[in-house]
Amino acid sequence: MAAVGFSSCGRYVAAIDKHDKHRVTIYNIQRKLELVTVDGSKSEVLDLTWSKRADDLRFVTVGPKELNFWHPADVTKKLF
């Protein structure tokens, strides 16, 4: 894994692999369910951090030359 981060609410974890496209996978921990996997950045990912607000599901991925802001609802349209 390139980066892993747990949401502030404790229900979700996002993981980024070391594949060429640095796929982002979001899991619902309580339901033991993979919600979505999408291609991330072609650049290396160094870190992933969720918003500190418990009701905010946005997170950011950090690379050597870029920041990518994510909102899982934009990809999944709903979270379980």
Protein backbone atom coordinates (compact mmCIF):
# COMPACT_ATOMS: atom_id res chain seq x y z
CA MET A 1 0.00 0.00 0.00
CA ALA A 2 1.14 3.50 -0.79
CA ALA A 3 -1.12 5.14 1.82
CA VAL A 4 -3.94 4.26 4.21
CA GLY A 5 -6.22 6.53 6.23
CA PHE A 6 -9.21 6.09 8.55
CA SER A 7 -12.13 8.52 8.51
CA SER A 8 -12.78 10.59 11.64
CA CYS A 9 -16.12 8.84 12.16
CA GLY A 10 -14.32 5.48 12.19
CA ARG A 11 -16.62 3.87 9.62
CA TYR A 12 -14.41 4.12 6.53
CA VAL A 13 -10.86 3.46 5.46
CA ALA A 14 -9.27 4.60 2.21
CA ALA A 15 -6.29 2.75 0.81
CA ILE A 16 -4.11 3.61 -2.18
CA ASP A 17 -2.11 0.92 -3.92
CA LYS A 18 1.23 1.19 -5.69
CA HIS A 19 -0.22 0.34 -9.11
CA ASP A 20 0.71 2.71 -11.96
CA LYS A 21 -2.64 4.48 -11.56
CA HIS A 22 -2.50 4.48 -7.73
CA ARG A 23 -6.02 3.11 -7.29
CA VAL A 24 -8.06 4.50 -4.39
CA THR A 25 -10.26 1.95 -2.61
CA ILE A 26 -12.77 2.92 0.06
CA TYR A 27 -14.07 0.34 2.53
CA ASN A 28 -16.90 0.43 5.06
CA ILE A 29 -15.20 -1.09 8.11
CA GLN A 30 -18.38 -1.88 10.08
CA ARG A 31 -20.02 -3.73 7.20
CA LYS A 32 -16.75 -5.23 5.91
CA LEU A 33 -17.67 -3.99 2.46
CA GLU A 34 -15.63 -2.51 -0.38
CA LEU A 35 -17.57 0.53 -1.58
CA VAL A 36 -15.59 1.73 -4.55
CA THR A 37 -12.26 1.50 -6.35
CA VAL A 38 -11.25 4.28 -8.73
CA ASP A 39 -8.06 5.25 -10.51
CA GLY A 40 -6.15 7.88 -8.58
CA SER A 41 -3.15 9.78 -9.80
CA LYS A 42 -0.38 8.69 -12.12
CA SER A 43 2.02 10.41 -9.73
CA GLU A 44 3.40 8.74 -6.63
CA VAL A 45 1.20 9.07 -3.52
CA LEU A 46 2.97 9.80 -0.26
CA ASP A 47 0.10 10.28 2.19
CA LEU A 48 -3.66 10.32 2.63
CA THR A 49 -5.57 12.32 5.26
CA TRP A 50 -9.31 12.49 5.96
CA SER A 51 -11.09 15.61 7.17
CA LYS A 52 -11.01 15.98 10.96
CA ARG A 53 -14.77 16.63 11.14
CA ALA A 54 -16.66 13.44 12.02
CA ASP A 55 -19.47 14.15 9.56
CA ASP A 56 -17.16 15.13 6.68
CA LEU A 57 -16.08 12.33 4.35
CA ARG A 58 -13.64 14.33 2.24
CA PHE A 59 -9.96 13.42 2.14
CA VAL A 60 -6.81 14.52 0.40
CA THR A 61 -3.99 12.56 -1.20
CA VAL A 62 -0.52 14.06 -1.27
CA GLY A 63 2.14 13.46 -3.88
CA PRO A 64 5.54 15.02 -4.57
CA LYS A 65 4.05 17.65 -6.89
CA GLU A 66 0.29 17.55 -6.36
CA LEU A 67 -2.64 17.47 -3.95
CA ASN A 68 -5.84 15.67 -4.91
CA PHE A 69 -9.06 16.35 -3.04
CA TRP A 70 -11.63 13.56 -2.87
CA HIS A 71 -15.23 13.28 -1.80
CA PRO A 72 -16.45 9.66 -1.83
CA ALA A 73 -20.05 10.73 -2.49
CA ASP A 74 -18.92 12.20 -5.82
CA VAL A 75 -17.79 8.73 -6.88
CA THR A 76 -20.31 6.43 -5.17
CA LYS A 77 -23.30 8.80 -5.09
CA LYS A 78 -24.05 7.34 -1.67
CA LEU A 79 -22.16 5.61 1.11
CA PHE A 80 -23.70 2.64 2.88
